[in-house]
Structure formats: C-alpha cells, structure tokens
Amino acid sequence: MAMKVAVLGSGEVGTTLANGFLKSGYTVMRGSRAPEKLAAWRTSAGTKALTGSFKEAAAFGDVVVLAVKGSAAEGVLALVGPETLAGKTLIDPTNPIADAPPEAGVLKYFTTLNESLMERLQRQAPKANFVKAFSCVGNAFMIDPDFGKQKPTMFICGNDKRAKGTVTEILTQFGWETADMGGVEAARAIEPLCMLWCLPGLLRGEWAHAFRLLAK
C-alpha cells in the first residue's frame, strides 16, 4: 500500500509540502480548523488530494507533517490528540518564532537555547515519532531545490531511527542530502538555523540560499 501523508496547516508551507508529496505520488490529506478554506486547493490538486479537520487528517496519514506556525503548534496537537499520533512519523518544520518584530534582522524566539519547540511537542505527544525537517529553509526551496551541481543539506533530528529513515527517503525524493544530528535535543541547534537563514533576507532582501554541510 502506498504511503498516505497528512499535512496539517493551510498556509504556504503546507501548500508547498502537500504539492511536493502529490508530485512524488503520495495520497495527501490536508487538515485545517476550517477545511473549507482548502476547497480550491483540493479541486486543483487532483484525485489524490483530500481535506478534513486536523484530527481527521492526522488519523488518515501514515506520515504527518505539522506545517503550522510555531506559536500554534501546541494548540494543533491538542486538537488532534496525542493518541491519534501514537506510532506515527511526525515531520516537524516548525520554528518558535515570536510575534515580536526582528531586531537588526534577527528573529525573536519564544524558547531558549536550552529547550526547543520540538522537545515541547514531543513531550505533548510522547508516542509520536517526531523528526525535525524543513525548518532551515524557505518554502520556495523545500521541494526540488536547485543550487547547481551541489545538493543542499537538510538537518534532521529525532529519537526514532525508523522514522528518521522514512524522512531521509522523503528528503532524497525531494532533492536533498540529509544530515542526521541525533536525538530530539538537537532541535535546540537546528531551530535557530531559521534565524541565520532569514538574516540575508531581512537585511538585504536575499532569500535564494540554503545550507550545505561540508566534510572531509
């Protein structure tokens, strides 16, 4: 049976990732507080595109993508219910961006360097297999990023080896090299990469870039 994917969120990141999964042959259900907002997307996206509530989508997916604002992530998990996510691979692209404006181009976070948002979410849904991914690049480059001959690096982390293997396979399909940084605690280092990625854009309007890990 082909893998089914749930994408929670009706924003641009959700649209980009949902369309990427559809392009790769997955069946995708997008979840929203107001599923009717996704009617136009469902009509245009084809027969493998479905919509529903957050809980309906999460129950549908073998893989669940939490494509919502970081400030909304805990609330969405509460609506879904941790039991719905038990045993599932949950891709977490969220960043804990605060509502306060950036300072000198640096985003402000509502977490500290000693606790990541993904750690909070993992505690909230302890039986879900969280994998941090897609958090260190803009949505325009999440699918089939083209930076010439070298593929960019997507940094991931999480506690479940099998879930990270699943996400690595997805990232390879989407045109990325993957660097596994370890357990959920590594999200404390990965989430701030969003700050670094956004700096050239906020300071100079430069948004066409990604990270690459070089090693001998």
Protein backbone atom coordinates (compact mmCIF):
# COMPACT_ATOMS: atom_id res chain seq x y z
CA MET A 1 0.00 0.00 0.00
CA ALA A 2 1.31 3.46 -0.92
CA MET A 3 2.13 5.75 1.98
CA LYS A 4 -0.53 8.27 2.95
CA VAL A 5 0.53 11.71 4.13
CA ALA A 6 -1.31 14.20 6.31
CA VAL A 7 -0.29 17.85 6.08
CA LEU A 8 -1.68 19.90 8.96
CA GLY A 9 -1.96 23.56 8.02
CA SER A 10 -3.49 25.71 5.29
CA GLY A 11 -0.59 28.16 4.82
CA GLU A 12 2.16 28.40 2.22
CA VAL A 13 4.42 25.80 3.83
CA GLY A 14 1.53 23.35 3.96
CA THR A 15 0.69 24.00 0.32
CA THR A 16 4.29 23.60 -0.81
CA LEU A 17 4.83 20.33 1.04
CA ALA A 18 1.42 18.89 0.13
CA ASN A 19 2.07 19.60 -3.55
CA GLY A 20 5.55 18.08 -3.23
CA PHE A 21 4.13 14.86 -1.82
CA LEU A 22 1.47 14.73 -4.53
CA LYS A 23 4.14 15.23 -7.19
CA SER A 24 6.01 12.24 -5.76
CA GLY A 25 2.92 10.03 -5.96
CA TYR A 26 1.62 10.12 -2.38
CA THR A 27 -2.02 10.49 -1.40
CA VAL A 28 -2.32 13.63 0.72
CA MET A 29 -4.96 14.86 3.14
CA ARG A 30 -4.58 18.43 4.36
CA GLY A 31 -6.02 19.32 7.73
CA SER A 32 -7.30 22.69 8.90
CA ARG A 33 -9.51 24.23 11.57
CA ALA A 34 -11.65 25.34 8.62
CA PRO A 35 -11.29 22.69 5.87
CA GLU A 36 -13.49 24.72 3.53
CA LYS A 37 -10.55 27.12 3.14
CA LEU A 38 -8.79 24.34 1.25
CA ALA A 39 -11.58 23.70 -1.27
CA ALA A 40 -9.83 25.47 -4.15
CA TRP A 41 -6.58 23.59 -3.46
CA ARG A 42 -8.40 20.25 -3.38
CA THR A 43 -10.13 20.98 -6.67
CA SER A 44 -6.90 21.92 -8.42
CA ALA A 45 -4.63 19.31 -6.84
CA GLY A 46 -6.19 16.17 -8.32
CA THR A 47 -7.75 12.90 -7.23
CA LYS A 48 -5.12 12.07 -4.60
CA ALA A 49 -5.79 15.33 -2.72
CA LEU A 50 -8.17 15.27 0.25
CA THR A 51 -9.11 17.69 3.01
CA GLY A 52 -10.51 17.44 6.53
CA SER A 53 -10.12 18.60 10.09
CA PHE A 54 -6.79 18.42 11.86
CA LYS A 55 -7.85 15.25 13.66
CA GLU A 56 -9.26 13.60 10.51
CA ALA A 57 -6.08 14.30 8.57
CA ALA A 58 -3.81 13.08 11.36
CA ALA A 59 -5.79 9.85 11.63
CA PHE A 60 -5.52 9.37 7.85
CA GLY A 61 -1.78 9.82 7.46
CA ASP A 62 0.96 7.24 7.88
CA VAL A 63 3.24 10.29 7.97
CA VAL A 64 2.00 13.55 9.50
CA VAL A 65 3.51 16.95 8.69
CA LEU A 66 2.96 19.73 11.24
CA ALA A 67 3.01 22.67 8.83
CA VAL A 68 1.67 25.38 11.14
CA LYS A 69 3.09 28.45 12.84
CA GLY A 70 5.30 27.58 15.77
CA SER A 71 3.07 29.58 18.09
CA ALA A 72 0.07 27.46 17.02
CA ALA A 73 1.77 24.05 17.07
CA GLU A 74 0.91 23.03 20.64
CA GLY A 75 -2.71 24.05 20.14
CA VAL A 76 -2.99 21.99 16.95
CA LEU A 77 -1.55 18.93 18.70
CA ALA A 78 -4.14 19.38 21.45
CA LEU A 79 -6.92 19.38 18.83
CA VAL A 80 -5.51 16.25 17.20
CA GLY A 81 -4.94 14.42 20.47
CA PRO A 82 -1.72 12.57 21.27
CA GLU A 83 -3.39 9.16 20.92
CA THR A 84 -4.10 9.88 17.24
CA LEU A 85 -0.38 10.34 16.60
CA ALA A 86 0.87 7.30 18.51
CA GLY A 87 3.40 5.33 16.48
CA LYS A 88 3.31 7.72 13.51
CA THR A 89 6.22 9.55 11.90
CA LEU A 90 5.61 13.25 12.51
CA ILE A 91 7.66 15.68 10.43
CA ASP A 92 8.16 18.95 12.30
CA PRO A 93 9.10 22.01 10.19
CA THR A 94 8.03 24.45 12.92
CA ASN A 95 10.18 27.17 14.45
CA PRO A 96 9.40 29.00 17.71
CA ILE A 97 9.19 32.46 16.12
CA ALA A 98 7.75 35.03 18.49
CA ASP A 99 5.24 37.69 17.50
CA ALA A 100 7.74 40.44 18.33
CA PRO A 101 9.47 42.02 15.30
CA PRO A 102 13.05 41.05 14.38
CA GLU A 103 15.91 43.06 15.86
CA ALA A 104 18.61 44.06 13.33
CA GLY A 105 17.34 41.26 11.11
CA VAL A 106 17.43 38.62 13.86
CA LEU A 107 14.16 36.82 14.54
CA LYS A 108 12.99 36.55 18.13
CA TYR A 109 12.07 33.15 19.57
CA PHE A 110 9.78 32.24 22.46
CA THR A 111 12.10 29.40 23.51
CA THR A 112 15.61 29.47 24.95
CA LEU A 113 18.76 27.74 23.72
CA ASN A 114 18.20 25.08 26.39
CA GLU A 115 14.80 23.96 25.10
CA SER A 116 13.47 23.58 21.57
CA LEU A 117 9.90 23.74 20.40
CA MET A 118 10.17 20.17 19.13
CA GLU A 119 11.07 18.97 22.62
CA ARG A 120 7.89 20.57 23.93
CA LEU A 121 5.86 18.91 21.19
CA GLN A 122 7.48 15.52 21.78
CA ARG A 123 6.52 15.72 25.46
CA GLN A 124 2.98 16.66 24.47
CA ALA A 125 2.66 13.63 22.15
CA PRO A 126 5.20 11.20 23.65
CA LYS A 127 4.25 8.22 21.47
CA ALA A 128 4.64 10.12 18.19
CA ASN A 129 7.96 9.78 16.37
CA PHE A 130 8.95 13.40 15.77
CA VAL A 131 11.57 14.25 13.16
CA LYS A 132 12.70 17.84 12.69
CA ALA A 133 12.94 18.68 8.97
CA PHE A 134 12.28 21.55 6.53
CA SER A 135 12.85 24.10 9.30
CA CYS A 136 16.06 25.68 8.00
CA VAL A 137 14.96 26.83 4.53
CA GLY A 138 12.16 28.87 2.99
CA ASN A 139 9.22 27.10 1.43
CA ALA A 140 10.29 28.13 -2.09
CA PHE A 141 13.22 25.69 -1.84
CA MET A 142 11.66 22.82 0.13
CA ILE A 143 10.90 20.77 -2.99
CA ASP A 144 13.50 20.14 -5.72
CA PRO A 145 15.94 22.85 -4.58
CA ASP A 146 18.18 23.89 -7.48
CA PHE A 147 21.57 25.23 -6.44
CA GLY A 148 23.60 23.89 -9.34
CA LYS A 149 25.70 20.73 -9.04
CA GLN A 150 25.70 20.51 -5.25
CA LYS A 151 22.65 19.44 -3.30
CA PRO A 152 21.85 21.43 -0.15
CA THR A 153 21.78 19.76 3.27
CA MET A 154 18.67 19.26 5.35
CA PHE A 155 19.43 18.84 9.05
CA ILE A 156 17.17 16.41 10.87
CA CYS A 157 16.90 15.01 14.37
CA GLY A 158 14.60 12.78 16.39
CA ASN A 159 14.57 9.83 18.76
CA ASP A 160 13.25 7.11 16.45
CA LYS A 161 15.68 5.58 13.94
CA ARG A 162 12.98 4.15 11.67
CA ALA A 163 11.13 7.47 11.49
CA LYS A 164 14.35 9.27 10.57
CA GLY A 165 14.92 6.67 7.86
CA THR A 166 11.46 7.37 6.44
CA VAL A 167 12.08 11.12 6.45
CA THR A 168 15.51 10.66 4.85
CA GLU A 169 13.87 8.72 1.99
CA ILE A 170 11.37 11.54 1.52
CA LEU A 171 14.11 14.17 1.54
CA THR A 172 16.05 12.22 -1.07
CA GLN A 173 12.94 12.16 -3.28
CA PHE A 174 12.61 15.90 -2.78
CA GLY A 175 16.21 16.59 -3.87
CA TRP A 176 18.04 16.95 -0.54
CA GLU A 177 21.05 15.46 1.15
CA THR A 178 20.30 14.65 4.79
CA ALA A 179 22.45 15.15 7.89
CA ASP A 180 21.19 13.34 11.00
CA MET A 181 22.13 15.36 14.06
CA GLY A 182 20.90 12.88 16.68
CA GLY A 183 18.06 12.90 19.19
CA VAL A 184 15.29 15.40 19.83
CA GLU A 185 17.62 17.62 21.87
CA ALA A 186 19.48 18.53 18.67
CA ALA A 187 16.46 20.61 17.67
CA ARG A 188 17.89 23.23 20.06
CA ALA A 189 20.63 23.75 17.46
CA ILE A 190 18.60 23.16 14.30
CA GLU A 191 15.70 25.53 15.02
CA PRO A 192 17.96 28.61 15.32
CA LEU A 193 19.22 27.95 11.78
CA CYS A 194 15.99 29.61 10.67
CA MET A 195 17.31 32.83 12.23
CA LEU A 196 20.51 32.51 10.21
CA TRP A 197 18.66 31.61 7.01
CA CYS A 198 16.38 34.67 7.35
CA LEU A 199 19.13 37.20 8.09
CA PRO A 200 20.17 37.91 4.47
CA GLY A 201 16.52 38.22 3.52
CA LEU A 202 15.53 40.55 6.32
CA LEU A 203 18.65 42.70 5.93
CA ARG A 204 19.12 42.74 2.15
CA GLY A 205 16.12 41.05 0.55
CA GLU A 206 18.20 37.98 -0.37
CA TRP A 207 16.20 34.77 0.02
CA ALA A 208 17.66 32.36 -2.57
CA HIS A 209 20.03 30.26 -0.48
CA ALA A 210 20.30 27.06 1.57
CA PHE A 211 22.82 25.36 3.87
CA ARG A 212 25.30 22.66 2.92
CA LEU A 213 27.39 20.59 5.33
CA LEU A 214 30.92 20.01 4.06
CA ALA A 215 33.10 17.21 5.41
CA LYS A 216 36.43 15.59 4.53
